[in-house]
Amino acid sequence: MPAKPRLPASLPDPNNLRDVLAYWLRLRRVQKGWSQERLALECDLDRTYVSAVERLRWNVSLSNIERFAQALEVPPWTLLAPPQQLASLGRGDPAHLPLARFV
């Protein structure tokens, strides 16, 4: 039986986009109750690729960021926005706010 998905333990380094992307992927995936395998299936990507991205092992193309965003039902740019920066702007978590607020 697979382990229960766990939320990220800490906030990402806001100066490291791979860290920020990995944080949002894991957070959104866990919020949906998805395993890495399920996210990979939704994105039509390999499970080991999703794992490597979440562990900061691989860089990600813009096309794959779009795939992740579409599967997770969020605007692509939100996967690259440091959560600390959004909070300081009073915007909080972009997944829970209307898109128009960010345009």
PDB file of N, CA and C in Angstrom:
ATOM      1  N   MET A   1       0.844  -1.172   0.000  1.00  0.00           N
ATOM      2  CA  MET A   1       0.000   0.000   0.000  1.00  0.00           C
ATOM      3  C   MET A   1       0.893   1.240   0.000  1.00  0.00           C
ATOM      4  N   PRO A   2       0.630   2.206  -0.904  1.00  0.00           N
ATOM      5  CA  PRO A   2       1.464   3.399  -0.964  1.00  0.00           C
ATOM      6  C   PRO A   2       1.289   4.284   0.262  1.00  0.00           C
ATOM      7  N   ALA A   3       2.334   5.032   0.557  1.00  0.00           N
ATOM      8  CA  ALA A   3       2.285   5.952   1.695  1.00  0.00           C
ATOM      9  C   ALA A   3       1.321   7.093   1.398  1.00  0.00           C
ATOM     10  N   LYS A   4       0.712   7.622   2.450  1.00  0.00           N
ATOM     11  CA  LYS A   4      -0.200   8.750   2.310  1.00  0.00           C
ATOM     12  C   LYS A   4       0.612   9.985   1.913  1.00  0.00           C
ATOM     13  N   PRO A   5       0.162  10.720   0.874  1.00  0.00           N
ATOM     14  CA  PRO A   5       0.900  11.932   0.475  1.00  0.00           C
ATOM     15  C   PRO A   5       0.941  12.942   1.614  1.00  0.00           C
ATOM     16  N   ARG A   6       2.120  13.571   1.786  1.00  0.00           N
ATOM     17  CA  ARG A   6       2.296  14.561   2.850  1.00  0.00           C
ATOM     18  C   ARG A   6       2.595  15.931   2.263  1.00  0.00           C
ATOM     19  N   LEU A   7       2.091  16.953   2.920  1.00  0.00           N
ATOM     20  CA  LEU A   7       2.340  18.323   2.503  1.00  0.00           C
ATOM     21  C   LEU A   7       3.825  18.654   2.651  1.00  0.00           C
ATOM     22  N   PRO A   8       4.305  19.654   1.897  1.00  0.00           N
ATOM     23  CA  PRO A   8       5.703  20.069   2.068  1.00  0.00           C
ATOM     24  C   PRO A   8       5.962  20.491   3.509  1.00  0.00           C
ATOM     25  N   ALA A   9       7.144  20.163   4.007  1.00  0.00           N
ATOM     26  CA  ALA A   9       7.486  20.435   5.407  1.00  0.00           C
ATOM     27  C   ALA A   9       7.865  21.895   5.642  1.00  0.00           C
ATOM     28  N   SER A  10       8.327  22.589   4.591  1.00  0.00           N
ATOM     29  CA  SER A  10       8.759  23.976   4.772  1.00  0.00           C
ATOM     30  C   SER A  10       8.540  24.752   3.485  1.00  0.00           C
ATOM     31  N   LEU A  11       8.631  26.063   3.606  1.00  0.00           N
ATOM     32  CA  LEU A  11       8.505  26.914   2.430  1.00  0.00           C
ATOM     33  C   LEU A  11       9.766  26.802   1.580  1.00  0.00           C
ATOM     34  N   PRO A  12       9.621  27.012   0.268  1.00  0.00           N
ATOM     35  CA  PRO A  12      10.784  26.901  -0.612  1.00  0.00           C
ATOM     36  C   PRO A  12      11.665  28.142  -0.544  1.00  0.00           C
ATOM     37  N   ASP A  13      12.887  28.003  -1.030  1.00  0.00           N
ATOM     38  CA  ASP A  13      13.787  29.143  -1.192  1.00  0.00           C
ATOM     39  C   ASP A  13      13.223  30.005  -2.322  1.00  0.00           C
ATOM     40  N   PRO A  14      12.820  31.244  -2.052  1.00  0.00           N
ATOM     41  CA  PRO A  14      12.190  32.068  -3.080  1.00  0.00           C
ATOM     42  C   PRO A  14      13.119  32.426  -4.239  1.00  0.00           C
ATOM     43  N   ASN A  15      14.415  32.215  -4.078  1.00  0.00           N
ATOM     44  CA  ASN A  15      15.381  32.502  -5.132  1.00  0.00           C
ATOM     45  C   ASN A  15      15.715  31.278  -5.981  1.00  0.00           C
ATOM     46  N   ASN A  16      15.063  30.168  -5.713  1.00  0.00           N
ATOM     47  CA  ASN A  16      15.323  28.926  -6.432  1.00  0.00           C
ATOM     48  C   ASN A  16      14.017  28.470  -7.088  1.00  0.00           C
ATOM     49  N   LEU A  17      13.868  28.731  -8.394  1.00  0.00           N
ATOM     50  CA  LEU A  17      12.611  28.404  -9.075  1.00  0.00           C
ATOM     51  C   LEU A  17      12.305  26.911  -9.075  1.00  0.00           C
ATOM     52  N   ARG A  18      13.324  26.077  -9.143  1.00  0.00           N
ATOM     53  CA  ARG A  18      13.057  24.631  -9.092  1.00  0.00           C
ATOM     54  C   ARG A  18      12.468  24.253  -7.740  1.00  0.00           C
ATOM     55  N   ASP A  19      12.956  24.872  -6.678  1.00  0.00           N
ATOM     56  CA  ASP A  19      12.435  24.624  -5.337  1.00  0.00           C
ATOM     57  C   ASP A  19      10.985  25.113  -5.221  1.00  0.00           C
ATOM     58  N   VAL A  20      10.714  26.283  -5.777  1.00  0.00           N
ATOM     59  CA  VAL A  20       9.357  26.847  -5.754  1.00  0.00           C
ATOM     60  C   VAL A  20       8.401  25.938  -6.530  1.00  0.00           C
ATOM     61  N   LEU A  21       8.804  25.519  -7.728  1.00  0.00           N
ATOM     62  CA  LEU A  21       7.965  24.635  -8.541  1.00  0.00           C
ATOM     63  C   LEU A  21       7.705  23.319  -7.811  1.00  0.00           C
ATOM     64  N   ALA A  22       8.734  22.733  -7.232  1.00  0.00           N
ATOM     65  CA  ALA A  22       8.575  21.469  -6.502  1.00  0.00           C
ATOM     66  C   ALA A  22       7.608  21.630  -5.327  1.00  0.00           C
ATOM     67  N   TYR A  23       7.713  22.763  -4.625  1.00  0.00           N
ATOM     68  CA  TYR A  23       6.815  23.040  -3.500  1.00  0.00           C
ATOM     69  C   TYR A  23       5.362  23.049  -3.973  1.00  0.00           C
ATOM     70  N   TRP A  24       5.072  23.836  -5.026  1.00  0.00           N
ATOM     71  CA  TRP A  24       3.689  23.949  -5.506  1.00  0.00           C
ATOM     72  C   TRP A  24       3.179  22.629  -6.074  1.00  0.00           C
ATOM     73  N   LEU A  25       4.032  21.892  -6.799  1.00  0.00           N
ATOM     74  CA  LEU A  25       3.580  20.609  -7.342  1.00  0.00           C
ATOM     75  C   LEU A  25       3.168  19.671  -6.214  1.00  0.00           C
ATOM     76  N   ARG A  26       4.019  19.575  -5.213  1.00  0.00           N
ATOM     77  CA  ARG A  26       3.699  18.661  -4.105  1.00  0.00           C
ATOM     78  C   ARG A  26       2.468  19.140  -3.345  1.00  0.00           C
ATOM     79  N   LEU A  27       2.398  20.445  -3.062  1.00  0.00           N
ATOM     80  CA  LEU A  27       1.262  20.984  -2.319  1.00  0.00           C
ATOM     81  C   LEU A  27      -0.041  20.725  -3.068  1.00  0.00           C
ATOM     82  N   ARG A  28      -0.089  21.081  -4.335  1.00  0.00           N
ATOM     83  CA  ARG A  28      -1.318  20.907  -5.130  1.00  0.00           C
ATOM     84  C   ARG A  28      -1.664  19.426  -5.294  1.00  0.00           C
ATOM     85  N   ARG A  29      -0.650  18.600  -5.514  1.00  0.00           N
ATOM     86  CA  ARG A  29      -0.872  17.161  -5.696  1.00  0.00           C
ATOM     87  C   ARG A  29      -1.471  16.568  -4.427  1.00  0.00           C
ATOM     88  N   VAL A  30      -0.910  16.916  -3.278  1.00  0.00           N
ATOM     89  CA  VAL A  30      -1.399  16.388  -2.000  1.00  0.00           C
ATOM     90  C   VAL A  30      -2.796  16.922  -1.708  1.00  0.00           C
ATOM     91  N   GLN A  31      -3.054  18.196  -2.018  1.00  0.00           N
ATOM     92  CA  GLN A  31      -4.387  18.757  -1.810  1.00  0.00           C
ATOM     93  C   GLN A  31      -5.435  17.984  -2.606  1.00  0.00           C
ATOM     94  N   LYS A  32      -5.066  17.484  -3.776  1.00  0.00           N
ATOM     95  CA  LYS A  32      -5.988  16.694  -4.588  1.00  0.00           C
ATOM     96  C   LYS A  32      -6.036  15.235  -4.142  1.00  0.00           C
ATOM     97  N   GLY A  33      -5.129  14.854  -3.237  1.00  0.00           N
ATOM     98  CA  GLY A  33      -5.076  13.468  -2.787  1.00  0.00           C
ATOM     99  C   GLY A  33      -4.430  12.547  -3.802  1.00  0.00           C
ATOM    100  N   TRP A  34      -3.609  13.114  -4.679  1.00  0.00           N
ATOM    101  CA  TRP A  34      -2.975  12.348  -5.749  1.00  0.00           C
ATOM    102  C   TRP A  34      -1.583  11.870  -5.352  1.00  0.00           C
ATOM    103  N   SER A  35      -1.237  10.713  -5.852  1.00  0.00           N
ATOM    104  CA  SER A  35       0.136  10.230  -5.768  1.00  0.00           C
ATOM    105  C   SER A  35       0.929  10.862  -6.902  1.00  0.00           C
ATOM    106  N   GLN A  36       2.237  10.697  -6.872  1.00  0.00           N
ATOM    107  CA  GLN A  36       3.062  11.161  -7.993  1.00  0.00           C
ATOM    108  C   GLN A  36       2.665  10.424  -9.271  1.00  0.00           C
ATOM    109  N   GLU A  37       2.321   9.165  -9.131  1.00  0.00           N
ATOM    110  CA  GLU A  37       1.908   8.378 -10.297  1.00  0.00           C
ATOM    111  C   GLU A  37       0.630   8.943 -10.913  1.00  0.00           C
ATOM    112  N   ARG A  38      -0.322   9.330 -10.088  1.00  0.00           N
ATOM    113  CA  ARG A  38      -1.574   9.897 -10.603  1.00  0.00           C
ATOM    114  C   ARG A  38      -1.311  11.219 -11.317  1.00  0.00           C
ATOM    115  N   LEU A  39      -0.473  12.079 -10.729  1.00  0.00           N
ATOM    116  CA  LEU A  39      -0.140  13.340 -11.393  1.00  0.00           C
ATOM    117  C   LEU A  39       0.538  13.065 -12.729  1.00  0.00           C
ATOM    118  N   ALA A  40       1.433  12.111 -12.750  1.00  0.00           N
ATOM    119  CA  ALA A  40       2.112  11.755 -13.994  1.00  0.00           C
ATOM    120  C   ALA A  40       1.103  11.297 -15.054  1.00  0.00           C
ATOM    121  N   LEU A  41       0.143  10.486 -14.653  1.00  0.00           N
ATOM    122  CA  LEU A  41      -0.883  10.029 -15.592  1.00  0.00           C
ATOM    123  C   LEU A  41      -1.711  11.193 -16.119  1.00  0.00           C
ATOM    124  N   GLU A  42      -2.078  12.115 -15.234  1.00  0.00           N
ATOM    125  CA  GLU A  42      -2.878  13.274 -15.631  1.00  0.00           C
ATOM    126  C   GLU A  42      -2.111  14.172 -16.609  1.00  0.00           C
ATOM    127  N   CYS A  43      -0.787  14.199 -16.482  1.00  0.00           N
ATOM    128  CA  CYS A  43       0.058  15.052 -17.331  1.00  0.00           C
ATOM    129  C   CYS A  43       0.619  14.313 -18.541  1.00  0.00           C
ATOM    130  N   ASP A  44       0.391  13.018 -18.602  1.00  0.00           N
ATOM    131  CA  ASP A  44       0.980  12.168 -19.642  1.00  0.00           C
ATOM    132  C   ASP A  44       2.510  12.247 -19.590  1.00  0.00           C
ATOM    133  N   LEU A  45       3.032  12.140 -18.374  1.00  0.00           N
ATOM    134  CA  LEU A  45       4.470  12.131 -18.136  1.00  0.00           C
ATOM    135  C   LEU A  45       4.822  10.870 -17.350  1.00  0.00           C
ATOM    136  N   ASP A  46       6.097  10.556 -17.274  1.00  0.00           N
ATOM    137  CA  ASP A  46       6.545   9.387 -16.524  1.00  0.00           C
ATOM    138  C   ASP A  46       6.552   9.681 -15.025  1.00  0.00           C
ATOM    139  N   ARG A  47       6.193   8.688 -14.234  1.00  0.00           N
ATOM    140  CA  ARG A  47       6.160   8.832 -12.779  1.00  0.00           C
ATOM    141  C   ARG A  47       7.522   9.219 -12.224  1.00  0.00           C
ATOM    142  N   THR A  48       8.590   8.656 -12.778  1.00  0.00           N
ATOM    143  CA  THR A  48       9.926   8.978 -12.277  1.00  0.00           C
ATOM    144  C   THR A  48      10.300  10.429 -12.586  1.00  0.00           C
ATOM    145  N   TYR A  49       9.744  10.987 -13.650  1.00  0.00           N
ATOM    146  CA  TYR A  49       9.988  12.394 -13.979  1.00  0.00           C
ATOM    147  C   TYR A  49       9.352  13.293 -12.914  1.00  0.00           C
ATOM    148  N   VAL A  50       8.108  13.007 -12.545  1.00  0.00           N
ATOM    149  CA  VAL A  50       7.428  13.790 -11.514  1.00  0.00           C
ATOM    150  C   VAL A  50       8.215  13.714 -10.207  1.00  0.00           C
ATOM    151  N   SER A  51       8.662  12.542  -9.850  1.00  0.00           N
ATOM    152  CA  SER A  51       9.455  12.371  -8.634  1.00  0.00           C
ATOM    153  C   SER A  51      10.744  13.189  -8.704  1.00  0.00           C
ATOM    154  N   ALA A  52      11.426  13.136  -9.843  1.00  0.00           N
ATOM    155  CA  ALA A  52      12.686  13.876  -9.996  1.00  0.00           C
ATOM    156  C   ALA A  52      12.467  15.385  -9.917  1.00  0.00           C
ATOM    157  N   VAL A  53      11.358  15.871 -10.478  1.00  0.00           N
ATOM    158  CA  VAL A  53      11.054  17.303 -10.407  1.00  0.00           C
ATOM    159  C   VAL A  53      10.790  17.706  -8.956  1.00  0.00           C
ATOM    160  N   GLU A  54      10.019  16.916  -8.244  1.00  0.00           N
ATOM    161  CA  GLU A  54       9.727  17.234  -6.847  1.00  0.00           C
ATOM    162  C   GLU A  54      10.961  17.150  -5.958  1.00  0.00           C
ATOM    163  N   ARG A  55      11.952  16.367  -6.356  1.00  0.00           N
ATOM    164  CA  ARG A  55      13.194  16.244  -5.579  1.00  0.00           C
ATOM    165  C   ARG A  55      14.290  17.176  -6.095  1.00  0.00           C
ATOM    166  N   LEU A  56      13.941  18.096  -7.007  1.00  0.00           N
ATOM    167  CA  LEU A  56      14.853  19.100  -7.558  1.00  0.00           C
ATOM    168  C   LEU A  56      15.984  18.479  -8.372  1.00  0.00           C
ATOM    169  N   ARG A  57      15.747  17.329  -8.973  1.00  0.00           N
ATOM    170  CA  ARG A  57      16.788  16.643  -9.742  1.00  0.00           C
ATOM    171  C   ARG A  57      16.828  17.082 -11.209  1.00  0.00           C
ATOM    172  N   TRP A  58      15.673  17.498 -11.750  1.00  0.00           N
ATOM    173  CA  TRP A  58      15.608  17.845 -13.168  1.00  0.00           C
ATOM    174  C   TRP A  58      15.043  19.240 -13.357  1.00  0.00           C
ATOM    175  N   ASN A  59      15.534  19.899 -14.404  1.00  0.00           N
ATOM    176  CA  ASN A  59      14.916  21.136 -14.848  1.00  0.00           C
ATOM    177  C   ASN A  59      13.657  20.780 -15.616  1.00  0.00           C
ATOM    178  N   VAL A  60      12.752  21.731 -15.743  1.00  0.00           N
ATOM    179  CA  VAL A  60      11.462  21.468 -16.378  1.00  0.00           C
ATOM    180  C   VAL A  60      11.270  22.441 -17.530  1.00  0.00           C
ATOM    181  N   SER A  61      10.757  21.933 -18.641  1.00  0.00           N
ATOM    182  CA  SER A  61      10.461  22.804 -19.780  1.00  0.00           C
ATOM    183  C   SER A  61       9.165  23.572 -19.523  1.00  0.00           C
ATOM    184  N   LEU A  62       8.983  24.656 -20.257  1.00  0.00           N
ATOM    185  CA  LEU A  62       7.739  25.413 -20.149  1.00  0.00           C
ATOM    186  C   LEU A  62       6.538  24.554 -20.535  1.00  0.00           C
ATOM    187  N   SER A  63       6.720  23.694 -21.517  1.00  0.00           N
ATOM    188  CA  SER A  63       5.624  22.811 -21.938  1.00  0.00           C
ATOM    189  C   SER A  63       5.176  21.910 -20.801  1.00  0.00           C
ATOM    190  N   ASN A  64       6.124  21.402 -20.045  1.00  0.00           N
ATOM    191  CA  ASN A  64       5.753  20.525 -18.929  1.00  0.00           C
ATOM    192  C   ASN A  64       5.168  21.308 -17.761  1.00  0.00           C
ATOM    193  N   ILE A  65       5.600  22.557 -17.568  1.00  0.00           N
ATOM    194  CA  ILE A  65       4.958  23.390 -16.552  1.00  0.00           C
ATOM    195  C   ILE A  65       3.494  23.599 -16.933  1.00  0.00           C
ATOM    196  N   GLU A  66       3.228  23.819 -18.220  1.00  0.00           N
ATOM    197  CA  GLU A  66       1.845  23.954 -18.684  1.00  0.00           C
ATOM    198  C   GLU A  66       1.056  22.672 -18.436  1.00  0.00           C
ATOM    199  N   ARG A  67       1.668  21.530 -18.671  1.00  0.00           N
ATOM    200  CA  ARG A  67       0.991  20.246 -18.408  1.00  0.00           C
ATOM    201  C   ARG A  67       0.634  20.105 -16.934  1.00  0.00           C
ATOM    202  N   PHE A  68       1.605  20.404 -16.074  1.00  0.00           N
ATOM    203  CA  PHE A  68       1.352  20.328 -14.636  1.00  0.00           C
ATOM    204  C   PHE A  68       0.207  21.260 -14.244  1.00  0.00           C
ATOM    205  N   ALA A  69       0.264  22.489 -14.726  1.00  0.00           N
ATOM    206  CA  ALA A  69      -0.753  23.481 -14.366  1.00  0.00           C
ATOM    207  C   ALA A  69      -2.137  23.050 -14.835  1.00  0.00           C
ATOM    208  N   GLN A  70      -2.218  22.538 -16.035  1.00  0.00           N
ATOM    209  CA  GLN A  70      -3.516  22.100 -16.554  1.00  0.00           C
ATOM    210  C   GLN A  70      -4.068  20.951 -15.711  1.00  0.00           C
ATOM    211  N   ALA A  71      -3.236  19.986 -15.388  1.00  0.00           N
ATOM    212  CA  ALA A  71      -3.685  18.852 -14.569  1.00  0.00           C
ATOM    213  C   ALA A  71      -4.113  19.307 -13.177  1.00  0.00           C
ATOM    214  N   LEU A  72      -3.388  20.269 -12.617  1.00  0.00           N
ATOM    215  CA  LEU A  72      -3.673  20.744 -11.262  1.00  0.00           C
ATOM    216  C   LEU A  72      -4.717  21.856 -11.236  1.00  0.00           C
ATOM    217  N   GLU A  73      -5.156  22.282 -12.415  1.00  0.00           N
ATOM    218  CA  GLU A  73      -6.202  23.305 -12.569  1.00  0.00           C
ATOM    219  C   GLU A  73      -5.813  24.633 -11.922  1.00  0.00           C
ATOM    220  N   VAL A  74      -4.587  25.079 -12.219  1.00  0.00           N
ATOM    221  CA  VAL A  74      -4.107  26.384 -11.751  1.00  0.00           C
ATOM    222  C   VAL A  74      -3.456  27.097 -12.929  1.00  0.00           C
ATOM    223  N   PRO A  75      -3.390  28.437 -12.901  1.00  0.00           N
ATOM    224  CA  PRO A  75      -2.652  29.154 -13.939  1.00  0.00           C
ATOM    225  C   PRO A  75      -1.165  28.773 -13.868  1.00  0.00           C
ATOM    226  N   PRO A  76      -0.509  28.565 -15.001  1.00  0.00           N
ATOM    227  CA  PRO A  76       0.890  28.126 -14.984  1.00  0.00           C
ATOM    228  C   PRO A  76       1.825  29.010 -14.167  1.00  0.00           C
ATOM    229  N   TRP A  77       1.631  30.323 -14.208  1.00  0.00           N
ATOM    230  CA  TRP A  77       2.553  31.212 -13.498  1.00  0.00           C
ATOM    231  C   TRP A  77       2.520  30.998 -11.991  1.00  0.00           C
ATOM    232  N   THR A  78       1.408  30.498 -11.461  1.00  0.00           N
ATOM    233  CA  THR A  78       1.330  30.321 -10.011  1.00  0.00           C
ATOM    234  C   THR A  78       2.269  29.224  -9.515  1.00  0.00           C
ATOM    235  N   LEU A  79       2.690  28.335 -10.407  1.00  0.00           N
ATOM    236  CA  LEU A  79       3.622  27.281 -10.012  1.00  0.00           C
ATOM    237  C   LEU A  79       5.048  27.803  -9.859  1.00  0.00           C
ATOM    238  N   LEU A  80       5.279  29.044 -10.300  1.00  0.00           N
ATOM    239  CA  LEU A  80       6.616  29.633 -10.210  1.00  0.00           C
ATOM    240  C   LEU A  80       6.677  30.830  -9.270  1.00  0.00           C
ATOM    241  N   ALA A  81       5.558  31.195  -8.683  1.00  0.00           N
ATOM    242  CA  ALA A  81       5.509  32.349  -7.785  1.00  0.00           C
ATOM    243  C   ALA A  81       5.842  31.909  -6.361  1.00  0.00           C
ATOM    244  N   PRO A  82       6.888  32.473  -5.766  1.00  0.00           N
ATOM    245  CA  PRO A  82       7.218  32.101  -4.384  1.00  0.00           C
ATOM    246  C   PRO A  82       6.050  32.405  -3.445  1.00  0.00           C
ATOM    247  N   PRO A  83       5.639  31.457  -2.618  1.00  0.00           N
ATOM    248  CA  PRO A  83       4.500  31.691  -1.728  1.00  0.00           C
ATOM    249  C   PRO A  83       4.735  32.864  -0.789  1.00  0.00           C
ATOM    250  N   GLN A  84       5.992  33.085  -0.379  1.00  0.00           N
ATOM    251  CA  GLN A  84       6.302  34.206   0.502  1.00  0.00           C
ATOM    252  C   GLN A  84       5.993  35.528  -0.193  1.00  0.00           C
ATOM    253  N   GLN A  85       6.286  35.619  -1.480  1.00  0.00           N
ATOM    254  CA  GLN A  85       6.048  36.847  -2.240  1.00  0.00           C
ATOM    255  C   GLN A  85       4.552  37.101  -2.376  1.00  0.00           C
ATOM    256  N   LEU A  86       3.773  36.073  -2.661  1.00  0.00           N
ATOM    257  CA  LEU A  86       2.328  36.224  -2.784  1.00  0.00           C
ATOM    258  C   LEU A  86       1.722  36.660  -1.455  1.00  0.00           C
ATOM    259  N   ALA A  87       2.211  36.085  -0.370  1.00  0.00           N
ATOM    260  CA  ALA A  87       1.681  36.445   0.949  1.00  0.00           C
ATOM    261  C   ALA A  87       2.001  37.900   1.286  1.00  0.00           C
ATOM    262  N   SER A  88       3.202  38.357   0.918  1.00  0.00           N
ATOM    263  CA  SER A  88       3.576  39.737   1.233  1.00  0.00           C
ATOM    264  C   SER A  88       2.766  40.741   0.429  1.00  0.00           C
ATOM    265  N   LEU A  89       2.235  40.311  -0.711  1.00  0.00           N
ATOM    266  CA  LEU A  89       1.383  41.173  -1.521  1.00  0.00           C
ATOM    267  C   LEU A  89      -0.075  41.101  -1.078  1.00  0.00           C
ATOM    268  N   GLY A  90      -0.344  40.288  -0.064  1.00  0.00           N
ATOM    269  CA  GLY A  90      -1.709  40.144   0.419  1.00  0.00           C
ATOM    270  C   GLY A  90      -2.552  39.252  -0.472  1.00  0.00           C
ATOM    271  N   ARG A  91      -1.894  38.446  -1.274  1.00  0.00           N
ATOM    272  CA  ARG A  91      -2.635  37.606  -2.215  1.00  0.00           C
ATOM    273  C   ARG A  91      -2.789  36.185  -1.722  1.00  0.00           C
ATOM    274  N   GLY A  92      -2.046  35.806  -0.731  1.00  0.00           N
ATOM    275  CA  GLY A  92      -2.193  34.470  -0.161  1.00  0.00           C
ATOM    276  C   GLY A  92      -1.955  33.372  -1.170  1.00  0.00           C
ATOM    277  N   ASP A  93      -2.709  32.348  -1.070  1.00  0.00           N
ATOM    278  CA  ASP A  93      -2.580  31.175  -1.923  1.00  0.00           C
ATOM    279  C   ASP A  93      -3.336  31.406  -3.223  1.00  0.00           C
ATOM    280  N   PRO A  94      -2.663  31.440  -4.372  1.00  0.00           N
ATOM    281  CA  PRO A  94      -3.332  31.746  -5.632  1.00  0.00           C
ATOM    282  C   PRO A  94      -4.361  30.709  -6.060  1.00  0.00           C
ATOM    283  N   ALA A  95      -4.291  29.515  -5.534  1.00  0.00           N
ATOM    284  CA  ALA A  95      -5.260  28.491  -5.943  1.00  0.00           C
ATOM    285  C   ALA A  95      -6.652  28.768  -5.399  1.00  0.00           C
ATOM    286  N   HIS A  96      -6.745  29.585  -4.352  1.00  0.00           N
ATOM    287  CA  HIS A  96      -8.034  29.833  -3.715  1.00  0.00           C
ATOM    288  C   HIS A  96      -8.624  31.197  -4.063  1.00  0.00           C
ATOM    289  N   LEU A  97      -7.979  31.921  -4.970  1.00  0.00           N
ATOM    290  CA  LEU A  97      -8.454  33.245  -5.350  1.00  0.00           C
ATOM    291  C   LEU A  97      -8.809  33.266  -6.826  1.00  0.00           C
ATOM    292  N   PRO A  98      -9.733  34.128  -7.224  1.00  0.00           N
ATOM    293  CA  PRO A  98     -10.095  34.224  -8.638  1.00  0.00           C
ATOM    294  C   PRO A  98      -8.907  34.692  -9.462  1.00  0.00           C
ATOM    295  N   LEU A  99      -8.784  34.164 -10.666  1.00  0.00           N
ATOM    296  CA  LEU A  99      -7.683  34.514 -11.557  1.00  0.00           C
ATOM    297  C   LEU A  99      -7.661  35.993 -11.854  1.00  0.00           C
ATOM    298  N   ALA A 100      -8.808  36.623 -11.999  1.00  0.00           N
ATOM    299  CA  ALA A 100      -8.868  38.032 -12.350  1.00  0.00           C
ATOM    300  C   ALA A 100      -8.132  38.903 -11.345  1.00  0.00           C
ATOM    301  N   ARG A 101      -8.028  38.464 -10.132  1.00  0.00           N
ATOM    302  CA  ARG A 101      -7.344  39.243  -9.097  1.00  0.00           C
ATOM    303  C   ARG A 101      -5.854  39.374  -9.363  1.00  0.00           C
ATOM    304  N   PHE A 102      -5.284  38.463 -10.173  1.00  0.00           N
ATOM    305  CA  PHE A 102      -3.858  38.460 -10.432  1.00  0.00           C
ATOM    306  C   PHE A 102      -3.488  39.093 -11.753  1.00  0.00           C
ATOM    307  N   VAL A 103      -4.462  39.434 -12.550  1.00  0.00           N
ATOM    308  CA  VAL A 103      -4.190  39.985 -13.888  1.00  0.00           C
ATOM    309  C   VAL A 103      -3.973  41.473 -13.820  1.00  0.00           C
TER     310      VAL A 103
END
